[in-house]
């Protein structure tokens, strides 16, 4: 049957609309496109396909829709990749790590079903490996995806996370440059902001994350950007500012559970302990991460609620065992717990093995502190100094350095670093911040007379002061993406 001209035009318009929707969902670069109105599963597919946060109800709708589709079309490799990535996102948002084995199975099924070049599934596997804190595997999958589709921007956020987890700052910097050249501005800003934070460039981080929040076009994206702004404010020692950002994140997305834990930190710093405890308990009920259990246990301990603290620490061990069934590596958090509240020698064993695999600043600091707690202060100082040199501007890292220097009799350096830790963030830990103040009080003021280089014995020349070494840390790159 012949088609009339009107029917041809209608078919052409309909085909253009479908193609436009596909192009929106698989955008590989440039500024954010104008998106047509999408349903819940469509919104989640657009977010997951672009490596962005998705709302939990939308993720649930996408998972149901893809599971039903795959029961009828089990050889659809693209749908397996979408489903696997949705499982990863769901597991991250809820800390339900039972989704991770399902995600791995779906993503590997996508690779088997074809096509031969499948950067979507490889990027999903890289994201899954990052969520499991297996940064070597994430690097392997991410680099394979980048070789198959070097212009596909969605792989570079996963590579940035992988390189950062391995302590490879140069490679992470190069991946960020690729993302800036290819990715949409909102995705670039949020990744750049957190990368700058990891390097200690606080002003650059705050500027980029503020831009990311302004550019966000979904509530889930706004919540993620607001939460990270809250984190940077908290790390600067501004709990009131941090609390405003955490509340803004929860107003945008009530299911953004990390912001509940953030509220707990900020409220505890402001002395609103009852509210802080409720916020932490709510965060743990919705996203039971071991690090939240450790923070809540230490808050209980600071309030002299020792039975509650012991129960929380026991819960931490249980949670670490549970998440390990999903392939998640929480050795760093467990090592920090053992160093301060358990067996420091076991902490050294755990963290030495972890540092051999993932030599990032956070693991270096944890290992250095565990070595100090086990009695090896010289080795501990080496690792903590390395963490400070390569990592973020952290009150906890600086406190650890000051305490180790105090134990080694380096009183001047200890006094300086303990004061610096409290200047960076006076509330950085409910247990360690008071310990830093007590250590400073114990050290007292320097002895009168000044250093020997200034006041030499009569008739002798003072020793020359050492020349300062030029800093190797370069300025933050211009973030003009």
Protein backbone atom coordinates (compact mmCIF):
# COMPACT_ATOMS: atom_id res chain seq x y z
CA UNK A 1 0.00 0.00 0.00
CA UNK A 2 1.33 3.47 -0.93
CA UNK A 3 1.72 6.09 1.79
CA UNK A 4 0.35 9.59 1.37
CA UNK A 5 2.69 12.57 1.70
CA UNK A 6 1.06 13.42 5.05
CA UNK A 7 1.76 9.91 6.41
CA UNK A 8 5.40 10.13 5.28
CA UNK A 9 5.85 13.44 7.08
CA UNK A 10 4.26 12.12 10.27
CA UNK A 11 6.52 9.05 10.21
CA UNK A 12 9.57 11.24 9.63
CA UNK A 13 8.74 13.49 12.58
CA UNK A 14 8.12 10.49 14.87
CA UNK A 15 11.41 8.90 13.84
CA UNK A 16 13.24 12.15 14.54
CA UNK A 17 11.74 12.33 18.03
CA UNK A 18 12.80 8.76 18.85
CA UNK A 19 16.30 9.37 17.51
CA UNK A 20 16.53 12.58 19.53
CA UNK A 21 15.63 10.69 22.69
CA UNK A 22 18.31 8.09 21.98
CA UNK A 23 20.92 10.78 21.37
CA UNK A 24 20.02 12.46 24.65
CA UNK A 25 20.46 9.22 26.56
CA UNK A 26 23.81 8.43 24.94
CA UNK A 27 25.32 11.94 24.84
CA UNK A 28 29.11 11.71 24.71
CA UNK A 29 30.19 15.30 25.14
CA UNK A 30 29.48 19.00 24.95
CA UNK A 31 27.23 21.07 27.16
CA UNK A 32 24.17 19.52 28.74
CA UNK A 33 21.50 19.03 26.05
CA UNK A 34 17.91 20.10 26.51
CA UNK A 35 16.11 16.92 27.55
CA UNK A 36 12.53 16.02 26.71
CA UNK A 37 10.23 15.08 29.58
CA UNK A 38 11.02 11.53 30.71
CA UNK A 39 9.26 9.06 32.95
CA UNK A 40 10.88 7.56 36.08
CA UNK A 41 12.77 4.79 34.27
CA UNK A 42 13.78 7.19 31.50
CA UNK A 43 15.14 9.69 34.02
CA UNK A 44 17.12 6.95 35.75
CA UNK A 45 18.45 5.61 32.43
CA UNK A 46 19.58 9.11 31.43
CA UNK A 47 21.36 9.55 34.78
CA UNK A 48 22.93 6.08 34.90
CA UNK A 49 24.07 6.31 31.29
CA UNK A 50 25.76 9.62 32.03
CA UNK A 51 27.37 8.57 35.32
CA UNK A 52 25.16 10.90 37.36
CA UNK A 53 23.14 10.33 40.54
CA UNK A 54 19.57 9.14 40.10
CA UNK A 55 16.65 9.28 42.51
CA UNK A 56 15.95 6.01 44.33
CA UNK A 57 12.33 5.68 43.10
CA UNK A 58 13.52 6.24 39.52
CA UNK A 59 16.24 3.61 39.93
CA UNK A 60 13.70 1.13 41.26
CA UNK A 61 11.45 1.80 38.23
CA UNK A 62 14.36 1.36 35.81
CA UNK A 63 15.42 -1.92 37.43
CA UNK A 64 11.87 -3.33 37.24
CA UNK A 65 11.51 -2.25 33.62
CA UNK A 66 14.87 -3.68 32.48
CA UNK A 67 14.36 -6.95 34.38
CA UNK A 68 10.98 -7.43 32.68
CA UNK A 69 12.46 -6.58 29.28
CA UNK A 70 15.35 -9.02 29.70
CA UNK A 71 13.07 -11.89 30.63
CA UNK A 72 11.66 -11.54 27.11
CA UNK A 73 14.94 -10.55 25.39
CA UNK A 74 17.80 -12.27 27.27
CA UNK A 75 20.38 -11.56 24.53
CA UNK A 76 20.01 -7.77 24.66
CA UNK A 77 23.56 -6.81 25.66
CA UNK A 78 22.80 -3.10 25.97
CA UNK A 79 19.94 -3.72 28.41
CA UNK A 80 22.18 -5.96 30.54
CA UNK A 81 24.70 -3.08 30.75
CA UNK A 82 21.96 -0.64 31.78
CA UNK A 83 20.60 -3.06 34.39
CA UNK A 84 24.05 -3.77 35.81
CA UNK A 85 24.85 -0.05 36.14
CA UNK A 86 21.46 0.53 37.78
CA UNK A 87 22.21 -2.23 40.31
CA UNK A 88 25.53 -0.51 41.14
CA UNK A 89 23.81 2.84 41.65
CA UNK A 90 21.13 1.23 43.81
CA UNK A 91 23.72 -0.55 45.94
CA UNK A 92 25.70 2.67 46.46
CA UNK A 93 22.63 4.71 47.38
CA UNK A 94 21.27 2.18 49.90
CA UNK A 95 24.46 0.37 51.05
CA UNK A 96 22.62 -2.83 50.15
CA UNK A 97 25.68 -4.65 48.87
CA UNK A 98 23.66 -7.64 47.73
CA UNK A 99 23.15 -5.65 44.54
CA UNK A 100 26.87 -5.79 43.70
CA UNK A 101 27.11 -9.51 42.78
CA UNK A 102 23.92 -9.05 40.71
CA UNK A 103 25.50 -6.04 39.01
CA UNK A 104 28.67 -7.95 38.19
CA UNK A 105 26.68 -10.83 36.71
CA UNK A 106 24.57 -8.46 34.57
CA UNK A 107 27.59 -6.51 33.30
CA UNK A 108 29.56 -9.63 32.43
CA UNK A 109 26.48 -11.04 30.67
CA UNK A 110 26.45 -7.82 28.63
CA UNK A 111 30.06 -8.42 27.61
CA UNK A 112 29.25 -11.99 26.58
CA UNK A 113 26.12 -11.01 24.65
CA UNK A 114 28.03 -8.44 22.61
CA UNK A 115 28.81 -6.35 20.75
CA UNK A 116 32.57 -6.85 20.70
CA UNK A 117 33.18 -3.22 21.64
CA UNK A 118 31.15 -2.59 24.80
CA UNK A 119 32.42 0.51 26.65
CA UNK A 120 29.08 0.81 28.50
CA UNK A 121 29.55 -2.54 30.29
CA UNK A 122 33.25 -1.87 30.93
CA UNK A 123 32.46 1.52 32.44
CA UNK A 124 29.83 -0.14 34.62
CA UNK A 125 32.40 -2.69 35.82
CA UNK A 126 34.86 0.14 36.59
CA UNK A 127 32.19 1.95 38.61
CA UNK A 128 31.35 -1.27 40.45
CA UNK A 129 35.02 -1.89 41.29
CA UNK A 130 35.31 1.67 42.68
CA UNK A 131 32.22 1.09 44.82
CA UNK A 132 33.88 -2.06 46.17
CA UNK A 133 37.13 -0.10 46.81
CA UNK A 134 38.96 -2.36 44.37
CA UNK A 135 40.77 0.45 42.58
CA UNK A 136 43.15 -1.75 40.59
CA UNK A 137 40.25 -3.55 38.93
CA UNK A 138 38.54 -0.19 38.35
CA UNK A 139 41.64 1.09 36.58
CA UNK A 140 41.81 -2.02 34.38
CA UNK A 141 38.16 -1.83 33.30
CA UNK A 142 38.24 1.93 32.92
CA UNK A 143 41.32 1.92 30.72
CA UNK A 144 39.80 -0.79 28.51
CA UNK A 145 36.66 1.32 28.12
CA UNK A 146 38.73 4.41 27.28
CA UNK A 147 40.66 2.51 24.60
CA UNK A 148 37.42 1.32 23.02
CA UNK A 149 35.72 4.74 23.14
CA UNK A 150 38.24 7.52 23.90
CA UNK A 151 35.65 10.25 23.14
CA UNK A 152 33.04 8.83 25.51
CA UNK A 153 33.26 11.14 28.52
CA UNK A 154 31.39 8.90 30.98
CA UNK A 155 34.41 6.63 31.54
CA UNK A 156 36.66 9.41 32.87
CA UNK A 157 34.89 9.98 36.23
CA UNK A 158 35.40 6.27 36.98
CA UNK A 159 39.06 6.57 35.99
CA UNK A 160 39.54 9.63 38.20
CA UNK A 161 38.18 7.67 41.18
CA UNK A 162 40.35 4.65 40.35
CA UNK A 163 43.58 6.64 39.98
CA UNK A 164 42.83 8.61 43.14
CA UNK A 165 42.26 5.38 45.05
CA UNK A 166 45.65 4.15 43.85
CA UNK A 167 47.39 7.40 44.81
CA UNK A 168 48.27 8.15 41.18
CA UNK A 169 47.71 11.91 41.13
CA UNK A 170 49.25 12.49 37.68
CA UNK A 171 47.00 9.94 36.00
CA UNK A 172 43.94 11.33 37.80
CA UNK A 173 44.91 14.83 36.63
CA UNK A 174 45.13 13.64 33.02
CA UNK A 175 41.76 11.90 33.26
CA UNK A 176 40.27 15.14 34.61
CA UNK A 177 41.70 17.03 31.61
CA UNK A 178 39.98 14.51 29.31
CA UNK A 179 36.71 14.98 31.19
CA UNK A 180 36.98 18.76 30.87
CA UNK A 181 37.45 18.48 27.13
CA UNK A 182 34.55 16.07 26.58
CA UNK A 183 32.02 16.23 29.38
CA UNK A 184 29.08 18.49 30.17
CA UNK A 185 29.76 21.37 32.54
CA UNK A 186 27.79 20.04 35.52
CA UNK A 187 29.63 16.69 35.50
CA UNK A 188 32.98 18.44 35.00
CA UNK A 189 32.44 20.83 37.89
CA UNK A 190 31.46 18.22 40.47
CA UNK A 191 34.39 15.93 39.60
CA UNK A 192 36.85 18.81 39.39
CA UNK A 193 35.68 20.15 42.75
CA UNK A 194 36.31 16.88 44.55
CA UNK A 195 39.65 16.39 42.80
CA UNK A 196 40.74 19.85 43.96
CA UNK A 197 39.61 19.01 47.48
CA UNK A 198 41.75 15.87 47.42
CA UNK A 199 44.74 18.02 46.44
CA UNK A 200 44.17 20.52 49.26
CA UNK A 201 42.99 23.34 46.96
CA UNK A 202 40.01 24.39 49.06
CA UNK A 203 39.04 27.63 47.33
CA UNK A 204 39.11 25.97 43.90
CA UNK A 205 37.09 23.05 45.24
CA UNK A 206 34.43 25.31 46.73
CA UNK A 207 34.15 27.36 43.54
CA UNK A 208 33.77 24.30 41.30
CA UNK A 209 31.23 22.61 43.59
CA UNK A 210 29.17 25.81 43.89
CA UNK A 211 29.04 25.93 40.08
CA UNK A 212 28.04 22.25 40.00
CA UNK A 213 25.14 22.92 42.34
CA UNK A 214 23.99 25.87 40.23
CA UNK A 215 24.24 23.84 37.01
CA UNK A 216 22.51 20.72 38.34
CA UNK A 217 19.26 20.02 36.50
CA UNK A 218 17.84 17.21 38.66
CA UNK A 219 17.15 17.07 42.41
CA UNK A 220 19.53 14.12 42.80
CA UNK A 221 22.37 16.09 41.19
CA UNK A 222 21.67 19.13 43.37
CA UNK A 223 21.69 16.93 46.47
CA UNK A 224 25.05 15.38 45.52
CA UNK A 225 26.64 18.80 44.91
CA UNK A 226 25.16 20.29 48.12
CA UNK A 227 26.46 17.35 50.14
CA UNK A 228 29.99 17.82 48.85
CA UNK A 229 29.81 21.54 49.60
CA UNK A 230 28.75 20.54 53.12
CA UNK A 231 31.76 18.24 53.37
CA UNK A 232 34.19 20.97 52.35
CA UNK A 233 32.59 23.39 54.83
CA UNK A 234 32.86 20.75 57.56
CA UNK A 235 36.52 20.15 56.77
CA UNK A 236 37.12 23.92 57.06
CA UNK A 237 35.70 23.85 60.57
CA UNK A 238 32.40 25.57 59.69
CA UNK A 239 29.68 23.27 61.09
CA UNK A 240 26.85 25.82 60.73
CA UNK A 241 27.59 26.30 57.04
CA UNK A 242 27.96 22.55 56.58
CA UNK A 243 24.62 21.94 58.28
CA UNK A 244 22.87 24.32 55.86
CA UNK A 245 24.28 22.44 52.89
CA UNK A 246 23.32 19.04 54.32
CA UNK A 247 19.76 20.30 54.88
CA UNK A 248 19.68 21.64 51.33
CA UNK A 249 20.76 18.22 50.04
CA UNK A 250 17.99 16.49 51.98
CA UNK A 251 15.45 19.06 50.82
CA UNK A 252 16.40 18.25 47.22
CA UNK A 253 16.49 14.48 47.75
CA UNK A 254 15.10 13.06 50.99
CA UNK A 255 16.83 9.74 50.22
CA UNK A 256 20.33 11.29 50.23
CA UNK A 257 21.46 9.33 53.27
CA UNK A 258 25.10 10.56 53.44
CA UNK A 259 23.71 14.00 54.30
CA UNK A 260 22.06 12.51 57.40
CA UNK A 261 25.48 11.37 58.64
CA UNK A 262 26.83 14.82 57.73
CA UNK A 263 24.09 16.38 59.86
CA UNK A 264 25.20 14.13 62.72
CA UNK A 265 28.79 15.43 62.50
CA UNK A 266 27.75 19.07 62.30
CA UNK A 267 25.15 18.84 65.09
CA UNK A 268 27.64 17.12 67.40
CA UNK A 269 30.16 19.93 66.76
CA UNK A 270 27.47 22.48 67.65
CA UNK A 271 26.72 20.69 70.93
CA UNK A 272 23.28 19.48 69.82
CA UNK A 273 24.08 15.91 70.80
CA UNK A 274 20.55 14.49 71.01
CA UNK A 275 19.82 15.63 67.46
CA UNK A 276 23.24 14.39 66.34
CA UNK A 277 22.54 10.91 67.70
CA UNK A 278 19.16 10.79 65.96
CA UNK A 279 20.72 11.86 62.65
CA UNK A 280 23.43 9.18 62.89
CA UNK A 281 20.93 6.47 63.82
CA UNK A 282 18.73 7.46 60.88
CA UNK A 283 21.71 7.40 58.51
CA UNK A 284 22.70 3.94 59.72
CA UNK A 285 19.15 2.64 59.42
CA UNK A 286 18.97 3.75 55.78
CA UNK A 287 22.58 3.34 54.64
CA UNK A 288 24.42 1.04 57.08
CA UNK A 289 28.03 1.90 56.25
CA UNK A 290 30.84 0.80 58.61
CA UNK A 291 32.32 4.32 58.69
CA UNK A 292 29.05 5.69 60.10
CA UNK A 293 29.08 2.99 62.77
CA UNK A 294 32.63 4.02 63.74
CA UNK A 295 31.69 7.71 63.92
CA UNK A 296 28.61 7.00 66.03
CA UNK A 297 30.60 4.73 68.36
CA UNK A 298 33.18 7.47 68.92
CA UNK A 299 30.43 10.02 69.57
CA UNK A 300 28.95 7.68 72.20
CA UNK A 301 32.41 7.26 73.74
CA UNK A 302 32.97 11.03 73.87
CA UNK A 303 29.67 11.31 75.79
CA UNK A 304 30.83 8.61 78.26
CA UNK A 305 28.13 6.25 77.00
CA UNK A 306 30.54 3.33 76.94
CA UNK A 307 28.05 0.42 76.71
CA UNK A 308 26.43 2.09 73.68
CA UNK A 309 29.89 2.70 72.18
CA UNK A 310 30.87 -0.96 72.64
CA UNK A 311 27.64 -2.08 71.02
CA UNK A 312 28.28 0.23 68.08
CA UNK A 313 31.83 -1.05 67.62
CA UNK A 314 30.53 -4.62 67.63
CA UNK A 315 28.01 -3.55 65.00
CA UNK A 316 30.86 -2.10 62.93
CA UNK A 317 32.60 -5.49 62.82
CA UNK A 318 29.32 -7.12 61.83
CA UNK A 319 28.78 -4.61 59.03
CA UNK A 320 32.29 -5.13 57.67
CA UNK A 321 31.62 -8.87 57.47
CA UNK A 322 28.29 -8.25 55.76
CA UNK A 323 29.64 -5.90 53.10
CA UNK A 324 32.49 -8.29 52.37
CA UNK A 325 29.90 -10.75 51.02
CA UNK A 326 29.22 -8.18 48.29
CA UNK A 327 32.92 -7.94 47.51
CA UNK A 328 33.38 -4.59 49.32
CA UNK A 329 36.79 -3.86 50.85
CA UNK A 330 36.50 -1.97 54.17
CA UNK A 331 39.97 -2.79 55.53
CA UNK A 332 40.89 0.86 56.03
CA UNK A 333 37.89 1.59 58.25
CA UNK A 334 38.44 -1.65 60.17
CA UNK A 335 42.13 -0.79 60.57
CA UNK A 336 41.29 2.64 61.99
CA UNK A 337 38.92 1.01 64.45
CA UNK A 338 41.53 -1.55 65.53
CA UNK A 339 44.22 1.13 65.93
CA UNK A 340 42.16 3.24 68.34
CA UNK A 341 39.78 0.77 69.99
CA UNK A 342 41.08 -2.74 69.37
CA UNK A 343 44.44 -4.40 68.63
CA UNK A 344 46.99 -2.00 67.10
CA UNK A 345 49.21 -4.85 65.87
CA UNK A 346 46.29 -6.33 63.93
CA UNK A 347 45.61 -2.84 62.56
CA UNK A 348 49.19 -2.65 61.28
CA UNK A 349 48.84 -6.01 59.53
CA UNK A 350 45.55 -5.06 57.88
CA UNK A 351 46.69 -1.61 56.78
CA UNK A 352 50.11 -2.75 55.56
CA UNK A 353 48.38 -5.19 53.22
CA UNK A 354 45.86 -2.53 52.16
CA UNK A 355 48.56 0.07 51.48
CA UNK A 356 50.45 -2.39 49.27
CA UNK A 357 47.37 -2.55 47.03
CA UNK A 358 45.94 0.99 47.40
CA UNK A 359 48.71 3.46 48.35
CA UNK A 360 46.47 6.53 48.63
CA UNK A 361 46.85 9.29 51.26
CA UNK A 362 43.94 8.04 53.41
CA UNK A 363 45.48 4.57 53.73
CA UNK A 364 48.95 6.06 54.33
CA UNK A 365 47.62 8.12 57.24
CA UNK A 366 45.73 5.17 58.72
CA UNK A 367 48.82 2.95 58.49
CA UNK A 368 51.04 5.63 60.01
CA UNK A 369 48.68 6.06 62.94
CA UNK A 370 48.43 2.29 63.48
CA UNK A 371 52.24 2.03 63.50
CA UNK A 372 52.38 4.77 66.13
CA UNK A 373 49.75 3.04 68.26
CA UNK A 374 51.72 -0.20 68.05
CA UNK A 375 54.93 1.57 69.18
CA UNK A 376 56.78 2.22 65.90
CA UNK A 377 56.72 6.02 65.89
CA UNK A 378 59.48 6.59 63.32
CA UNK A 379 57.81 4.45 60.67
CA UNK A 380 54.45 5.95 61.57
CA UNK A 381 55.72 9.49 61.07
CA UNK A 382 57.01 8.59 57.60
CA UNK A 383 53.59 7.42 56.40
CA UNK A 384 51.60 10.26 58.00
CA UNK A 385 53.97 12.84 56.50
CA UNK A 386 53.47 11.20 53.10
CA UNK A 387 49.68 11.42 53.52
CA UNK A 388 49.86 15.14 54.36
CA UNK A 389 52.15 15.84 51.42
CA UNK A 390 49.95 14.12 48.82
CA UNK A 391 46.46 14.36 50.28
CA UNK A 392 43.80 16.86 51.30
CA UNK A 393 44.25 19.50 53.99
CA UNK A 394 43.07 17.28 56.81
CA UNK A 395 42.84 18.12 60.50
CA UNK A 396 42.99 14.40 61.33
CA UNK A 397 46.17 13.82 59.34
CA UNK A 398 47.82 16.86 60.95
CA UNK A 399 46.74 15.78 64.43
CA UNK A 400 48.23 12.33 63.87
CA UNK A 401 51.52 13.92 62.82
CA UNK A 402 51.59 16.17 65.88
CA UNK A 403 50.92 13.32 68.30
CA UNK A 404 53.62 11.14 66.76
CA UNK A 405 56.13 14.04 66.88
CA UNK A 406 55.26 14.60 70.54
CA UNK A 407 56.01 10.95 71.28
CA UNK A 408 59.35 11.30 69.47
CA UNK A 409 60.30 14.34 71.57
CA UNK A 410 59.97 16.80 68.65
CA UNK A 411 58.15 19.30 70.83
CA UNK A 412 58.34 22.32 68.51
CA UNK A 413 57.00 20.42 65.52
CA UNK A 414 54.38 18.69 67.68
CA UNK A 415 53.16 21.99 69.09
CA UNK A 416 52.94 23.49 65.59
CA UNK A 417 51.03 20.60 64.04
CA UNK A 418 48.62 20.12 66.93
CA UNK A 419 47.73 23.81 66.75
CA UNK A 420 47.39 23.57 62.98
CA UNK A 421 44.97 20.63 63.27
CA UNK A 422 42.70 22.66 65.54
CA UNK A 423 42.95 25.68 63.23
CA UNK A 424 41.95 23.57 60.22
CA UNK A 425 38.89 22.18 62.02
CA UNK A 426 38.40 22.55 65.80
CA UNK A 427 35.67 19.86 65.71
CA UNK A 428 37.32 17.26 63.47
CA UNK A 429 36.67 14.35 65.86
CA UNK A 430 34.71 14.04 69.12
CA UNK A 431 37.63 12.08 70.62
CA UNK A 432 40.74 13.34 68.79
CA UNK A 433 39.99 17.09 68.92
CA UNK A 434 39.84 17.14 72.76
CA UNK A 435 42.96 14.93 72.79
CA UNK A 436 44.76 17.51 70.63
CA UNK A 437 43.85 20.30 73.06
CA UNK A 438 44.98 18.20 76.01
CA UNK A 439 48.30 17.41 74.27
CA UNK A 440 48.92 21.12 73.62
CA UNK A 441 48.24 21.92 77.26
CA UNK A 442 50.64 19.18 78.32
CA UNK A 443 53.36 20.52 76.01
CA UNK A 444 52.97 24.03 77.34
CA UNK A 445 54.78 27.00 75.87
CA UNK A 446 58.33 26.81 74.42
CA UNK A 447 61.23 27.22 76.84
CA UNK A 448 62.60 30.80 77.07
CA UNK A 449 65.72 31.70 75.10
CA UNK A 450 64.66 30.68 71.60
CA UNK A 451 66.27 28.14 69.29
CA UNK A 452 70.00 27.45 69.38
CA UNK A 453 70.48 28.81 65.87
CA UNK A 454 69.52 32.28 67.14
CA UNK A 455 71.18 32.29 70.54
CA UNK A 456 74.62 30.74 70.08
CA UNK A 457 77.13 30.58 72.96
CA UNK A 458 79.27 33.74 73.36
CA UNK A 459 82.11 33.90 70.84
CA UNK A 460 80.53 31.32 68.49
CA UNK A 461 78.68 31.88 65.24
CA UNK A 462 75.15 30.52 65.09
CA UNK A 463 74.53 27.54 62.86
CA UNK A 464 73.12 28.58 59.47
CA UNK A 465 69.40 28.09 59.06
CA UNK A 466 68.47 25.41 56.52
CA UNK A 467 67.29 26.76 53.18
CA UNK A 468 63.63 26.01 52.50
CA UNK A 469 63.03 23.61 49.65
CA UNK A 470 60.84 24.92 46.81
CA UNK A 471 57.35 23.47 46.82
CA UNK A 472 56.59 20.93 44.09
CA UNK A 473 52.83 21.42 44.41
CA UNK A 474 51.64 23.34 41.39
CA UNK A 475 48.72 25.71 41.32
CA UNK A 476 45.26 24.39 40.54
CA UNK A 477 44.61 24.32 36.80
CA UNK A 478 42.26 26.89 35.37
CA UNK A 479 38.80 25.33 35.58
CA UNK A 480 37.28 27.05 32.59
CA UNK A 481 35.35 24.05 31.27
